[in-house]
Amino acid sequence: MKQVGLYEAKSKLSALVSALIESGDPVSLTKHGQVVAELRPPSSGSPTRGGLASQDFYISPDFDRLPSPDDRRDQPPESRQ
């Protein structure tokens, strides 16, 4: 995997992206010799099931209900009497 410093990457980003498109090989971006990010092609597949698309996803009917003044669930047990 090719490693490029952030300063060089900033000035040659377009060329790095072009090389990435041609070769498909990821490029590691470094800062002070440490890898801090990677440029890589996007994944080809998308998730087939997300949280909202799941058959098991459920939202309670009162999910967006505003609490009433009588709603004492947020108070400590000793003050609920």
Protein backbone atom coordinates (compact mmCIF):
# COMPACT_ATOMS: atom_id res chain seq x y z
CA MET A 1 0.00 0.00 0.00
CA LYS A 2 1.39 3.38 -0.99
CA GLN A 3 1.97 5.86 1.85
CA VAL A 4 1.76 9.60 1.31
CA GLY A 5 2.25 12.42 3.80
CA LEU A 6 -0.69 14.75 4.43
CA TYR A 7 1.16 17.78 3.06
CA GLU A 8 1.91 15.98 -0.22
CA ALA A 9 -1.62 14.53 -0.34
CA LYS A 10 -3.11 17.99 0.04
CA SER A 11 -1.18 19.32 -2.93
CA LYS A 12 -1.61 16.18 -5.10
CA LEU A 13 -5.08 14.95 -4.11
CA SER A 14 -6.41 14.94 -7.66
CA ALA A 15 -3.48 12.84 -8.88
CA LEU A 16 -3.85 10.44 -5.94
CA VAL A 17 -7.54 9.94 -6.70
CA SER A 18 -6.76 9.35 -10.39
CA ALA A 19 -4.15 6.73 -9.44
CA LEU A 20 -6.65 5.13 -7.07
CA ILE A 21 -9.23 4.90 -9.85
CA GLU A 22 -6.72 3.32 -12.23
CA SER A 23 -5.13 0.79 -9.87
CA GLY A 24 -7.76 0.31 -7.17
CA ASP A 25 -4.97 0.13 -4.57
CA PRO A 26 -5.65 2.04 -1.35
CA VAL A 27 -3.37 4.91 -0.34
CA SER A 28 -2.40 5.48 3.30
CA LEU A 29 -2.18 9.08 4.45
CA THR A 30 0.41 9.72 7.13
CA LYS A 31 1.15 12.47 9.62
CA HIS A 32 4.57 12.40 11.25
CA GLY A 33 5.03 8.83 9.99
CA GLN A 34 1.79 7.52 11.50
CA VAL A 35 -1.06 6.36 9.26
CA VAL A 36 -4.06 8.59 10.03
CA ALA A 37 -6.40 7.85 7.11
CA GLU A 38 -6.79 5.80 3.96
CA LEU A 39 -8.07 6.57 0.49
CA ARG A 40 -9.79 3.52 -0.95
CA PRO A 41 -12.42 2.84 -3.59
CA PRO A 42 -16.03 2.79 -2.35
CA SER A 43 -17.44 -0.59 -1.43
CA SER A 44 -19.39 -2.08 -4.30
CA GLY A 45 -22.28 -3.46 -2.29
CA SER A 46 -24.80 -1.70 -0.18
CA PRO A 47 -26.35 -3.17 2.94
CA THR A 48 -29.33 -5.34 2.18
CA ARG A 49 -30.93 -4.75 5.56
CA GLY A 50 -30.67 -1.61 7.60
CA GLY A 51 -32.15 -0.82 10.98
CA LEU A 52 -35.30 0.79 9.60
CA ALA A 53 -35.76 -1.82 6.90
CA SER A 54 -35.49 -4.70 9.36
CA GLN A 55 -38.59 -6.80 9.98
CA ASP A 56 -37.84 -6.54 13.71
CA PHE A 57 -37.77 -2.72 13.81
CA TYR A 58 -40.40 -1.29 16.14
CA ILE A 59 -41.26 2.20 17.39
CA SER A 60 -43.64 2.54 20.30
CA PRO A 61 -46.83 4.47 19.42
CA ASP A 62 -46.07 6.97 22.19
CA PHE A 63 -42.42 7.46 21.14
CA ASP A 64 -42.79 11.19 20.53
CA ARG A 65 -45.36 11.87 23.27
CA LEU A 66 -44.46 14.84 25.44
CA PRO A 67 -44.45 14.07 29.16
CA SER A 68 -47.41 15.42 31.06
CA PRO A 69 -47.07 17.17 34.45
CA ASP A 70 -48.59 14.04 36.02
CA ASP A 71 -45.91 11.83 34.52
CA ARG A 72 -43.77 10.98 37.54
CA ARG A 73 -41.63 8.23 36.06
CA ASP A 74 -38.54 10.48 36.08
CA GLN A 75 -38.73 11.08 39.82
CA PRO A 76 -36.93 8.96 42.41
CA PRO A 77 -39.00 6.06 43.89
CA GLU A 78 -39.34 7.68 47.31
CA SER A 79 -41.18 10.71 45.86
CA ARG A 80 -43.68 8.66 43.78
CA GLN A 81 -45.99 7.85 46.69
